[in-house]
Amino acid sequence: MDADDPLVSGRYANFDVSKPNVARVYDAMLGGKDNFAADREFVADVLRSAPMAPLGAVTNRHFLRRVVQYLVIEAGVTQFIDLGSGLPTQGNASEVAHQFNPHARVVHVDNDPVVYTHSKALLADAATTEIILGDVRRPAEILTDPVVRSMIDFAQPVGLLFFAVLHHVEDGDHPERAVAEFRAAVPGGSYLAISSLRLPGPDLPELRAVTLEGEKAHSGPLGSMRWREDEEIRSWFGDWELIAPGLVPLGSWRTPVPVNTPYPELQHSFSGGVARKR
């Protein structure tokens, strides 16, 4: 490794695999192999109270695919910053983008050194795909990173991808400010995609109560796990134009046919959308 590599320099040298990690838990829910016992134990605990959680991870991955396909084919986006990318399991953002445009450039960003190490080994083409260690709560460090500046032309439209990451940012860390800083850094014609845990509305009091109990039970080991109101999630798009059908349940975003899930927690607790900067 290069002496300037964050793992070599020591900034991220100490990490504890005895504790569950967001990216590795997500990988375990998707049936991946890049996780540790602590991550699998956490998933097993979640399944006892939320047996549909892995299906939520799969639904989010399907949403990612439809969004990236739309951005490449219909919107013509050729460069992406994938914030909180997680492990490069099957169907990651760069893999999907390159299915439709082999020349698309993608920078994955994650704050987990294990994710970084695995990704450097698994992401094959450094000419079109890179990963950096970075934290979405510190946008300036990401936006000025030399790898990002070499891969992304900020004079051209950029696809900003926040798939299942902002609900891990605590209120006190102001996710709205972080997203606003990324929005301000890209030119007109850029796109912002977000998927996030959504608090069921007051019209579903029982599901809302169960969701809030789950938030209390599972936030600790993974840091924050925040199910937020529609208005707060929508505010992260700022004044950008939401692409139809807007902010909706993940299974309802530009699917060939409507998805009627028998699981209300999926229908009402995980939403996403895409917006364009004028």
C-alpha atoms as a PDB file:
ATOM      1  CA  MET A   1       0.000   0.000   0.000  1.00  0.00           C
ATOM      2  CA  ASP A   2       1.005   3.602  -0.605  1.00  0.00           C
ATOM      3  CA  ALA A   3       2.367   5.535   2.383  1.00  0.00           C
ATOM      4  CA  ASP A   4      -0.462   8.046   1.948  1.00  0.00           C
ATOM      5  CA  ASP A   5      -3.071   5.307   2.132  1.00  0.00           C
ATOM      6  CA  PRO A   6      -5.336   5.983   5.157  1.00  0.00           C
ATOM      7  CA  LEU A   7      -4.811   2.458   6.456  1.00  0.00           C
ATOM      8  CA  VAL A   8      -1.039   2.845   6.344  1.00  0.00           C
ATOM      9  CA  SER A   9      -1.027   6.359   7.761  1.00  0.00           C
ATOM     10  CA  GLY A  10      -2.894   5.108  10.818  1.00  0.00           C
ATOM     11  CA  ARG A  11      -6.003   7.249  10.647  1.00  0.00           C
ATOM     12  CA  TYR A  12      -8.222   4.164  10.336  1.00  0.00           C
ATOM     13  CA  ALA A  13      -5.749   1.578  11.625  1.00  0.00           C
ATOM     14  CA  ASN A  14      -7.719   0.513  14.688  1.00  0.00           C
ATOM     15  CA  PHE A  15     -11.040  -1.169  14.016  1.00  0.00           C
ATOM     16  CA  ASP A  16     -12.885  -3.744  16.056  1.00  0.00           C
ATOM     17  CA  VAL A  17     -14.432  -6.694  14.211  1.00  0.00           C
ATOM     18  CA  SER A  18     -15.916  -7.946  17.482  1.00  0.00           C
ATOM     19  CA  LYS A  19     -18.624  -5.298  17.097  1.00  0.00           C
ATOM     20  CA  PRO A  20     -21.259  -5.230  14.332  1.00  0.00           C
ATOM     21  CA  ASN A  21     -20.775  -2.769  11.497  1.00  0.00           C
ATOM     22  CA  VAL A  22     -23.429  -1.258   9.233  1.00  0.00           C
ATOM     23  CA  ALA A  23     -21.849  -2.321   5.934  1.00  0.00           C
ATOM     24  CA  ARG A  24     -21.079  -5.841   7.086  1.00  0.00           C
ATOM     25  CA  VAL A  25     -24.550  -6.317   8.630  1.00  0.00           C
ATOM     26  CA  TYR A  26     -26.074  -5.226   5.310  1.00  0.00           C
ATOM     27  CA  ASP A  27     -23.812  -7.697   3.510  1.00  0.00           C
ATOM     28  CA  ALA A  28     -24.957 -10.469   5.863  1.00  0.00           C
ATOM     29  CA  MET A  29     -28.605  -9.617   5.205  1.00  0.00           C
ATOM     30  CA  LEU A  30     -27.944  -9.882   1.467  1.00  0.00           C
ATOM     31  CA  GLY A  31     -26.411 -13.312   1.960  1.00  0.00           C
ATOM     32  CA  GLY A  32     -22.841 -12.121   1.420  1.00  0.00           C
ATOM     33  CA  LYS A  33     -19.675 -13.603   2.870  1.00  0.00           C
ATOM     34  CA  ASP A  34     -17.768 -10.448   3.824  1.00  0.00           C
ATOM     35  CA  ASN A  35     -18.936 -10.243   7.429  1.00  0.00           C
ATOM     36  CA  PHE A  36     -17.931 -11.445  10.872  1.00  0.00           C
ATOM     37  CA  ALA A  37     -19.591 -13.357  13.720  1.00  0.00           C
ATOM     38  CA  ALA A  38     -20.637 -10.145  15.476  1.00  0.00           C
ATOM     39  CA  ASP A  39     -22.452  -8.987  12.337  1.00  0.00           C
ATOM     40  CA  ARG A  40     -24.269 -12.307  11.921  1.00  0.00           C
ATOM     41  CA  GLU A  41     -25.243 -12.340  15.584  1.00  0.00           C
ATOM     42  CA  PHE A  42     -26.690  -8.847  15.227  1.00  0.00           C
ATOM     43  CA  VAL A  43     -28.718  -9.960  12.197  1.00  0.00           C
ATOM     44  CA  ALA A  44     -30.016 -12.962  14.128  1.00  0.00           C
ATOM     45  CA  ASP A  45     -31.121 -10.656  16.938  1.00  0.00           C
ATOM     46  CA  VAL A  46     -32.868  -8.305  14.498  1.00  0.00           C
ATOM     47  CA  LEU A  47     -34.684 -11.212  12.870  1.00  0.00           C
ATOM     48  CA  ARG A  48     -36.284 -12.153  16.156  1.00  0.00           C
ATOM     49  CA  SER A  49     -38.225  -8.868  16.210  1.00  0.00           C
ATOM     50  CA  ALA A  50     -38.141  -7.900  12.503  1.00  0.00           C
ATOM     51  CA  PRO A  51     -38.112 -11.058  10.380  1.00  0.00           C
ATOM     52  CA  MET A  52     -38.578  -9.057   7.168  1.00  0.00           C
ATOM     53  CA  ALA A  53     -35.382  -7.022   7.632  1.00  0.00           C
ATOM     54  CA  PRO A  54     -33.352  -8.981   5.023  1.00  0.00           C
ATOM     55  CA  LEU A  55     -36.160  -8.455   2.512  1.00  0.00           C
ATOM     56  CA  GLY A  56     -35.801  -4.735   3.170  1.00  0.00           C
ATOM     57  CA  ALA A  57     -32.106  -4.954   2.264  1.00  0.00           C
ATOM     58  CA  VAL A  58     -32.969  -6.811  -0.945  1.00  0.00           C
ATOM     59  CA  THR A  59     -35.689  -4.282  -1.797  1.00  0.00           C
ATOM     60  CA  ASN A  60     -33.177  -1.467  -1.345  1.00  0.00           C
ATOM     61  CA  ARG A  61     -30.708  -3.225  -3.653  1.00  0.00           C
ATOM     62  CA  HIS A  62     -33.431  -3.559  -6.321  1.00  0.00           C
ATOM     63  CA  PHE A  63     -34.203   0.149  -5.902  1.00  0.00           C
ATOM     64  CA  LEU A  64     -30.504   0.939  -6.393  1.00  0.00           C
ATOM     65  CA  ARG A  65     -30.512  -0.991  -9.652  1.00  0.00           C
ATOM     66  CA  ARG A  66     -33.572   0.798 -11.046  1.00  0.00           C
ATOM     67  CA  VAL A  67     -32.221   4.200 -10.020  1.00  0.00           C
ATOM     68  CA  VAL A  68     -28.762   3.729 -11.530  1.00  0.00           C
ATOM     69  CA  GLN A  69     -30.253   2.266 -14.699  1.00  0.00           C
ATOM     70  CA  TYR A  70     -32.539   5.286 -14.994  1.00  0.00           C
ATOM     71  CA  LEU A  71     -29.703   7.742 -14.370  1.00  0.00           C
ATOM     72  CA  VAL A  72     -27.399   6.133 -16.944  1.00  0.00           C
ATOM     73  CA  ILE A  73     -29.889   5.353 -19.714  1.00  0.00           C
ATOM     74  CA  GLU A  74     -32.561   8.035 -19.434  1.00  0.00           C
ATOM     75  CA  ALA A  75     -30.762  10.886 -17.662  1.00  0.00           C
ATOM     76  CA  GLY A  76     -27.392  10.316 -19.356  1.00  0.00           C
ATOM     77  CA  VAL A  77     -25.333  10.584 -16.157  1.00  0.00           C
ATOM     78  CA  THR A  78     -21.778   9.304 -16.644  1.00  0.00           C
ATOM     79  CA  GLN A  79     -20.234   9.903 -13.199  1.00  0.00           C
ATOM     80  CA  PHE A  80     -21.353   9.009  -9.713  1.00  0.00           C
ATOM     81  CA  ILE A  81     -20.376   9.442  -6.066  1.00  0.00           C
ATOM     82  CA  ASP A  82     -21.781   6.541  -4.059  1.00  0.00           C
ATOM     83  CA  LEU A  83     -21.948   7.727  -0.437  1.00  0.00           C
ATOM     84  CA  GLY A  84     -21.950   5.062   2.259  1.00  0.00           C
ATOM     85  CA  SER A  85     -21.477   2.453  -0.451  1.00  0.00           C
ATOM     86  CA  GLY A  86     -20.896  -0.552   1.788  1.00  0.00           C
ATOM     87  CA  LEU A  87     -19.255  -3.726   0.569  1.00  0.00           C
ATOM     88  CA  PRO A  88     -19.190  -4.253  -3.223  1.00  0.00           C
ATOM     89  CA  THR A  89     -21.611  -7.159  -3.150  1.00  0.00           C
ATOM     90  CA  GLN A  90     -23.441  -8.278  -6.273  1.00  0.00           C
ATOM     91  CA  GLY A  91     -25.391  -5.484  -7.901  1.00  0.00           C
ATOM     92  CA  ASN A  92     -23.438  -2.560  -6.424  1.00  0.00           C
ATOM     93  CA  ALA A  93     -23.668   0.882  -8.012  1.00  0.00           C
ATOM     94  CA  SER A  94     -20.560   0.628 -10.201  1.00  0.00           C
ATOM     95  CA  GLU A  95     -21.480  -2.854 -11.429  1.00  0.00           C
ATOM     96  CA  VAL A  96     -24.945  -1.673 -12.472  1.00  0.00           C
ATOM     97  CA  ALA A  97     -23.641   1.527 -14.057  1.00  0.00           C
ATOM     98  CA  HIS A  98     -21.084  -0.380 -16.118  1.00  0.00           C
ATOM     99  CA  GLN A  99     -23.721  -2.756 -17.425  1.00  0.00           C
ATOM    100  CA  PHE A 100     -25.270   0.189 -19.236  1.00  0.00           C
ATOM    101  CA  ASN A 101     -22.196   2.373 -19.801  1.00  0.00           C
ATOM    102  CA  PRO A 102     -18.769   0.713 -19.442  1.00  0.00           C
ATOM    103  CA  HIS A 103     -17.137   4.147 -19.362  1.00  0.00           C
ATOM    104  CA  ALA A 104     -19.157   5.519 -16.436  1.00  0.00           C
ATOM    105  CA  ARG A 105     -16.963   6.665 -13.548  1.00  0.00           C
ATOM    106  CA  VAL A 106     -17.945   5.738  -9.992  1.00  0.00           C
ATOM    107  CA  VAL A 107     -16.314   6.671  -6.708  1.00  0.00           C
ATOM    108  CA  HIS A 108     -17.518   4.618  -3.761  1.00  0.00           C
ATOM    109  CA  VAL A 109     -17.215   6.203  -0.322  1.00  0.00           C
ATOM    110  CA  ASP A 110     -17.363   4.377   3.002  1.00  0.00           C
ATOM    111  CA  ASN A 111     -15.996   4.989   6.496  1.00  0.00           C
ATOM    112  CA  ASP A 112     -15.221   1.330   7.296  1.00  0.00           C
ATOM    113  CA  PRO A 113     -11.588   0.220   6.773  1.00  0.00           C
ATOM    114  CA  VAL A 114     -12.707  -3.374   6.167  1.00  0.00           C
ATOM    115  CA  VAL A 115     -15.034  -2.174   3.409  1.00  0.00           C
ATOM    116  CA  TYR A 116     -12.185  -0.142   1.950  1.00  0.00           C
ATOM    117  CA  THR A 117      -9.772  -3.093   1.960  1.00  0.00           C
ATOM    118  CA  HIS A 118     -12.240  -5.546   0.448  1.00  0.00           C
ATOM    119  CA  SER A 119     -13.365  -3.029  -2.149  1.00  0.00           C
ATOM    120  CA  LYS A 120      -9.837  -2.216  -3.288  1.00  0.00           C
ATOM    121  CA  ALA A 121      -9.360  -5.932  -3.944  1.00  0.00           C
ATOM    122  CA  LEU A 122     -12.733  -6.568  -5.595  1.00  0.00           C
ATOM    123  CA  LEU A 123     -13.319  -3.453  -7.690  1.00  0.00           C
ATOM    124  CA  ALA A 124     -11.508  -4.448 -10.833  1.00  0.00           C
ATOM    125  CA  ASP A 125     -11.138  -1.339 -12.980  1.00  0.00           C
ATOM    126  CA  ALA A 126      -9.322   1.570 -11.351  1.00  0.00           C
ATOM    127  CA  ALA A 127      -9.777   3.572 -14.559  1.00  0.00           C
ATOM    128  CA  THR A 128     -13.540   3.810 -14.011  1.00  0.00           C
ATOM    129  CA  THR A 129     -14.090   2.753 -10.383  1.00  0.00           C
ATOM    130  CA  GLU A 130     -12.451   3.807  -7.130  1.00  0.00           C
ATOM    131  CA  ILE A 131     -13.150   3.803  -3.415  1.00  0.00           C
ATOM    132  CA  ILE A 132     -12.062   6.198  -0.700  1.00  0.00           C
ATOM    133  CA  LEU A 133     -12.386   6.208   3.059  1.00  0.00           C
ATOM    134  CA  GLY A 134     -14.741   9.010   3.929  1.00  0.00           C
ATOM    135  CA  ASP A 135     -17.597   9.967   6.224  1.00  0.00           C
ATOM    136  CA  VAL A 136     -20.803  11.499   4.826  1.00  0.00           C
ATOM    137  CA  ARG A 137     -20.905  13.721   7.913  1.00  0.00           C
ATOM    138  CA  ARG A 138     -17.753  15.480   6.621  1.00  0.00           C
ATOM    139  CA  PRO A 139     -18.603  16.397   3.018  1.00  0.00           C
ATOM    140  CA  ALA A 140     -15.666  18.776   2.513  1.00  0.00           C
ATOM    141  CA  GLU A 141     -13.148  15.984   3.090  1.00  0.00           C
ATOM    142  CA  ILE A 142     -14.851  13.837   0.455  1.00  0.00           C
ATOM    143  CA  LEU A 143     -15.346  16.602  -2.079  1.00  0.00           C
ATOM    144  CA  THR A 144     -11.704  17.687  -1.887  1.00  0.00           C
ATOM    145  CA  ASP A 145     -10.235  14.171  -1.809  1.00  0.00           C
ATOM    146  CA  PRO A 146      -7.601  13.783  -4.581  1.00  0.00           C
ATOM    147  CA  VAL A 147      -9.165  10.556  -5.846  1.00  0.00           C
ATOM    148  CA  VAL A 148     -12.593  12.163  -6.090  1.00  0.00           C
ATOM    149  CA  ARG A 149     -11.160  15.216  -7.875  1.00  0.00           C
ATOM    150  CA  SER A 150      -9.319  12.995 -10.356  1.00  0.00           C
ATOM    151  CA  MET A 151     -12.370  10.838 -11.117  1.00  0.00           C
ATOM    152  CA  ILE A 152     -15.224  13.358 -11.040  1.00  0.00           C
ATOM    153  CA  ASP A 153     -15.542  16.409 -13.287  1.00  0.00           C
ATOM    154  CA  PHE A 154     -17.532  18.883 -11.204  1.00  0.00           C
ATOM    155  CA  ALA A 155     -18.250  20.972 -14.297  1.00  0.00           C
ATOM    156  CA  GLN A 156     -20.468  18.135 -15.570  1.00  0.00           C
ATOM    157  CA  PRO A 157     -23.593  16.539 -14.032  1.00  0.00           C
ATOM    158  CA  VAL A 158     -22.946  14.153 -11.150  1.00  0.00           C
ATOM    159  CA  GLY A 159     -25.132  11.436  -9.684  1.00  0.00           C
ATOM    160  CA  LEU A 160     -25.092  11.655  -5.874  1.00  0.00           C
ATOM    161  CA  LEU A 161     -26.179   8.331  -4.358  1.00  0.00           C
ATOM    162  CA  PHE A 162     -27.273   8.017  -0.718  1.00  0.00           C
ATOM    163  CA  PHE A 163     -28.648   4.492  -0.524  1.00  0.00           C
ATOM    164  CA  ALA A 164     -29.615   3.412   3.021  1.00  0.00           C
ATOM    165  CA  VAL A 165     -27.006   5.588   4.722  1.00  0.00           C
ATOM    166  CA  LEU A 166     -28.681   8.744   6.043  1.00  0.00           C
ATOM    167  CA  HIS A 167     -30.789   6.864   8.592  1.00  0.00           C
ATOM    168  CA  HIS A 168     -27.482   5.996  10.260  1.00  0.00           C
ATOM    169  CA  VAL A 169     -26.635   9.688  10.713  1.00  0.00           C
ATOM    170  CA  GLU A 170     -27.790  11.021  14.059  1.00  0.00           C
ATOM    171  CA  ASP A 171     -29.916  14.148  14.274  1.00  0.00           C
ATOM    172  CA  GLY A 172     -27.115  15.979  16.075  1.00  0.00           C
ATOM    173  CA  ASP A 173     -24.827  15.388  13.100  1.00  0.00           C
ATOM    174  CA  HIS A 174     -27.309  17.242  10.875  1.00  0.00           C
ATOM    175  CA  PRO A 175     -27.793  15.022   7.822  1.00  0.00           C
ATOM    176  CA  GLU A 176     -29.667  17.876   6.157  1.00  0.00           C
ATOM    177  CA  ARG A 177     -26.525  20.059   6.248  1.00  0.00           C
ATOM    178  CA  ALA A 178     -24.337  17.278   4.868  1.00  0.00           C
ATOM    179  CA  VAL A 179     -26.655  16.594   1.928  1.00  0.00           C
ATOM    180  CA  ALA A 180     -26.999  20.328   1.257  1.00  0.00           C
ATOM    181  CA  GLU A 181     -23.216  20.639   1.033  1.00  0.00           C
ATOM    182  CA  PHE A 182     -23.070  17.857  -1.550  1.00  0.00           C
ATOM    183  CA  ARG A 183     -25.956  19.420  -3.495  1.00  0.00           C
ATOM    184  CA  ALA A 184     -24.167  22.761  -3.579  1.00  0.00           C
ATOM    185  CA  ALA A 185     -20.976  21.185  -4.959  1.00  0.00           C
ATOM    186  CA  VAL A 186     -22.483  19.832  -8.183  1.00  0.00           C
ATOM    187  CA  PRO A 187     -23.758  21.677 -11.276  1.00  0.00           C
ATOM    188  CA  GLY A 188     -27.197  21.893 -12.847  1.00  0.00           C
ATOM    189  CA  GLY A 189     -28.329  18.676 -14.466  1.00  0.00           C
ATOM    190  CA  SER A 190     -27.013  16.624 -11.524  1.00  0.00           C
ATOM    191  CA  TYR A 191     -29.166  14.084  -9.714  1.00  0.00           C
ATOM    192  CA  LEU A 192     -29.633  13.089  -6.081  1.00  0.00           C
ATOM    193  CA  ALA A 193     -30.913   9.626  -5.093  1.00  0.00           C
ATOM    194  CA  ILE A 194     -31.891   8.803  -1.520  1.00  0.00           C
ATOM    195  CA  SER A 195     -33.339   5.748   0.188  1.00  0.00           C
ATOM    196  CA  SER A 196     -34.018   5.947   3.903  1.00  0.00           C
ATOM    197  CA  LEU A 197     -36.010   4.348   6.705  1.00  0.00           C
ATOM    198  CA  ARG A 198     -39.331   6.152   6.980  1.00  0.00           C
ATOM    199  CA  LEU A 199     -41.553   6.422  10.045  1.00  0.00           C
ATOM    200  CA  PRO A 200     -45.075   5.153   9.226  1.00  0.00           C
ATOM    201  CA  GLY A 201     -47.634   7.931   9.369  1.00  0.00           C
ATOM    202  CA  PRO A 202     -50.137   8.588  12.158  1.00  0.00           C
ATOM    203  CA  ASP A 203     -52.765   6.761  10.097  1.00  0.00           C
ATOM    204  CA  LEU A 204     -50.924   3.542  11.056  1.00  0.00           C
ATOM    205  CA  PRO A 205     -50.551   3.951  14.839  1.00  0.00           C
ATOM    206  CA  GLU A 206     -49.730   0.300  15.615  1.00  0.00           C
ATOM    207  CA  LEU A 207     -47.016   0.004  12.964  1.00  0.00           C
ATOM    208  CA  ARG A 208     -45.675   3.412  13.973  1.00  0.00           C
ATOM    209  CA  ALA A 209     -45.398   2.293  17.601  1.00  0.00           C
ATOM    210  CA  VAL A 210     -43.680  -0.979  16.660  1.00  0.00           C
ATOM    211  CA  THR A 211     -41.245   0.931  14.447  1.00  0.00           C
ATOM    212  CA  LEU A 212     -40.326   3.331  17.238  1.00  0.00           C
ATOM    213  CA  GLU A 213     -39.734   0.387  19.584  1.00  0.00           C
ATOM    214  CA  GLY A 214     -37.464  -1.194  16.981  1.00  0.00           C
ATOM    215  CA  GLU A 215     -35.546   2.065  16.664  1.00  0.00           C
ATOM    216  CA  LYS A 216     -34.818   2.024  20.404  1.00  0.00           C
ATOM    217  CA  ALA A 217     -33.862  -1.647  20.394  1.00  0.00           C
ATOM    218  CA  HIS A 218     -31.437  -1.677  17.477  1.00  0.00           C
ATOM    219  CA  SER A 219     -29.833   1.767  17.358  1.00  0.00           C
ATOM    220  CA  GLY A 220     -27.120   1.162  19.945  1.00  0.00           C
ATOM    221  CA  PRO A 221     -24.890  -1.496  18.338  1.00  0.00           C
ATOM    222  CA  LEU A 222     -24.871   0.225  14.930  1.00  0.00           C
ATOM    223  CA  GLY A 223     -24.922   3.793  16.141  1.00  0.00           C
ATOM    224  CA  SER A 224     -28.005   5.637  14.951  1.00  0.00           C
ATOM    225  CA  MET A 225     -30.947   3.926  13.289  1.00  0.00           C
ATOM    226  CA  ARG A 226     -33.489   6.654  12.604  1.00  0.00           C
ATOM    227  CA  TRP A 227     -36.894   6.184  11.035  1.00  0.00           C
ATOM    228  CA  ARG A 228     -37.797   9.722   9.969  1.00  0.00           C
ATOM    229  CA  GLU A 229     -40.951  11.564   8.947  1.00  0.00           C
ATOM    230  CA  ASP A 230     -41.714  12.036   5.236  1.00  0.00           C
ATOM    231  CA  GLU A 231     -41.233  15.788   5.505  1.00  0.00           C
ATOM    232  CA  GLU A 232     -37.697  15.448   6.844  1.00  0.00           C
ATOM    233  CA  ILE A 233     -36.624  12.974   4.163  1.00  0.00           C
ATOM    234  CA  ARG A 234     -38.176  15.135   1.453  1.00  0.00           C
ATOM    235  CA  SER A 235     -36.330  18.194   2.796  1.00  0.00           C
ATOM    236  CA  TRP A 236     -32.980  16.543   1.996  1.00  0.00           C
ATOM    237  CA  PHE A 237     -33.734  17.080  -1.715  1.00  0.00           C
ATOM    238  CA  GLY A 238     -33.860  20.835  -1.158  1.00  0.00           C
ATOM    239  CA  ASP A 239     -35.357  22.732  -4.084  1.00  0.00           C
ATOM    240  CA  TRP A 240     -34.358  20.090  -6.606  1.00  0.00           C
ATOM    241  CA  GLU A 241     -37.105  18.712  -8.834  1.00  0.00           C
ATOM    242  CA  LEU A 242     -38.338  15.299  -7.697  1.00  0.00           C
ATOM    243  CA  ILE A 243     -38.595  12.840 -10.568  1.00  0.00           C
ATOM    244  CA  ALA A 244     -41.954  11.057 -10.839  1.00  0.00           C
ATOM    245  CA  PRO A 245     -43.288   9.236  -8.893  1.00  0.00           C
ATOM    246  CA  GLY A 246     -41.598  11.302  -6.162  1.00  0.00           C
ATOM    247  CA  LEU A 247     -40.725  10.092  -2.678  1.00  0.00           C
ATOM    248  CA  VAL A 248     -42.441   6.706  -2.449  1.00  0.00           C
ATOM    249  CA  PRO A 249     -42.018   3.200  -0.982  1.00  0.00           C
ATOM    250  CA  LEU A 250     -38.953   1.629  -2.593  1.00  0.00           C
ATOM    251  CA  GLY A 251     -40.992  -1.035  -4.377  1.00  0.00           C
ATOM    252  CA  SER A 252     -43.137   1.658  -6.033  1.00  0.00           C
ATOM    253  CA  TRP A 253     -40.335   3.661  -7.648  1.00  0.00           C
ATOM    254  CA  ARG A 254     -40.502   3.182 -11.457  1.00  0.00           C
ATOM    255  CA  THR A 255     -41.306  -0.512 -11.307  1.00  0.00           C
ATOM    256  CA  PRO A 256     -42.731  -2.103 -14.486  1.00  0.00           C
ATOM    257  CA  VAL A 257     -45.832  -3.108 -12.525  1.00  0.00           C
ATOM    258  CA  PRO A 258     -46.956  -1.969  -9.058  1.00  0.00           C
ATOM    259  CA  VAL A 259     -45.450  -4.004  -6.246  1.00  0.00           C
ATOM    260  CA  ASN A 260     -48.107  -5.080  -3.766  1.00  0.00           C
ATOM    261  CA  THR A 261     -46.147  -6.420  -0.819  1.00  0.00           C
ATOM    262  CA  PRO A 262     -47.987  -8.342   1.892  1.00  0.00           C
ATOM    263  CA  TYR A 263     -45.553  -6.869   4.424  1.00  0.00           C
ATOM    264  CA  PRO A 264     -46.738  -3.450   5.644  1.00  0.00           C
ATOM    265  CA  GLU A 265     -43.389  -2.716   7.317  1.00  0.00           C
ATOM    266  CA  LEU A 266     -41.753  -2.727   3.870  1.00  0.00           C
ATOM    267  CA  GLN A 267     -44.519  -0.755   2.215  1.00  0.00           C
ATOM    268  CA  HIS A 268     -44.592   1.974   4.847  1.00  0.00           C
ATOM    269  CA  SER A 269     -41.140   2.008   6.485  1.00  0.00           C
ATOM    270  CA  PHE A 270     -38.580   2.355   3.668  1.00  0.00           C
ATOM    271  CA  SER A 271     -38.906   5.051   1.028  1.00  0.00           C
ATOM    272  CA  GLY A 272     -36.826   6.615  -1.685  1.00  0.00           C
ATOM    273  CA  GLY A 273     -36.718   9.091  -4.498  1.00  0.00           C
ATOM    274  CA  VAL A 274     -34.598  10.849  -7.097  1.00  0.00           C
ATOM    275  CA  ALA A 275     -34.360  14.574  -7.805  1.00  0.00           C
ATOM    276  CA  ARG A 276     -32.700  16.727 -10.466  1.00  0.00           C
ATOM    277  CA  LYS A 277     -30.914  20.038 -10.013  1.00  0.00           C
ATOM    278  CA  ARG A 278     -32.250  22.641 -12.419  1.00  0.00           C
END
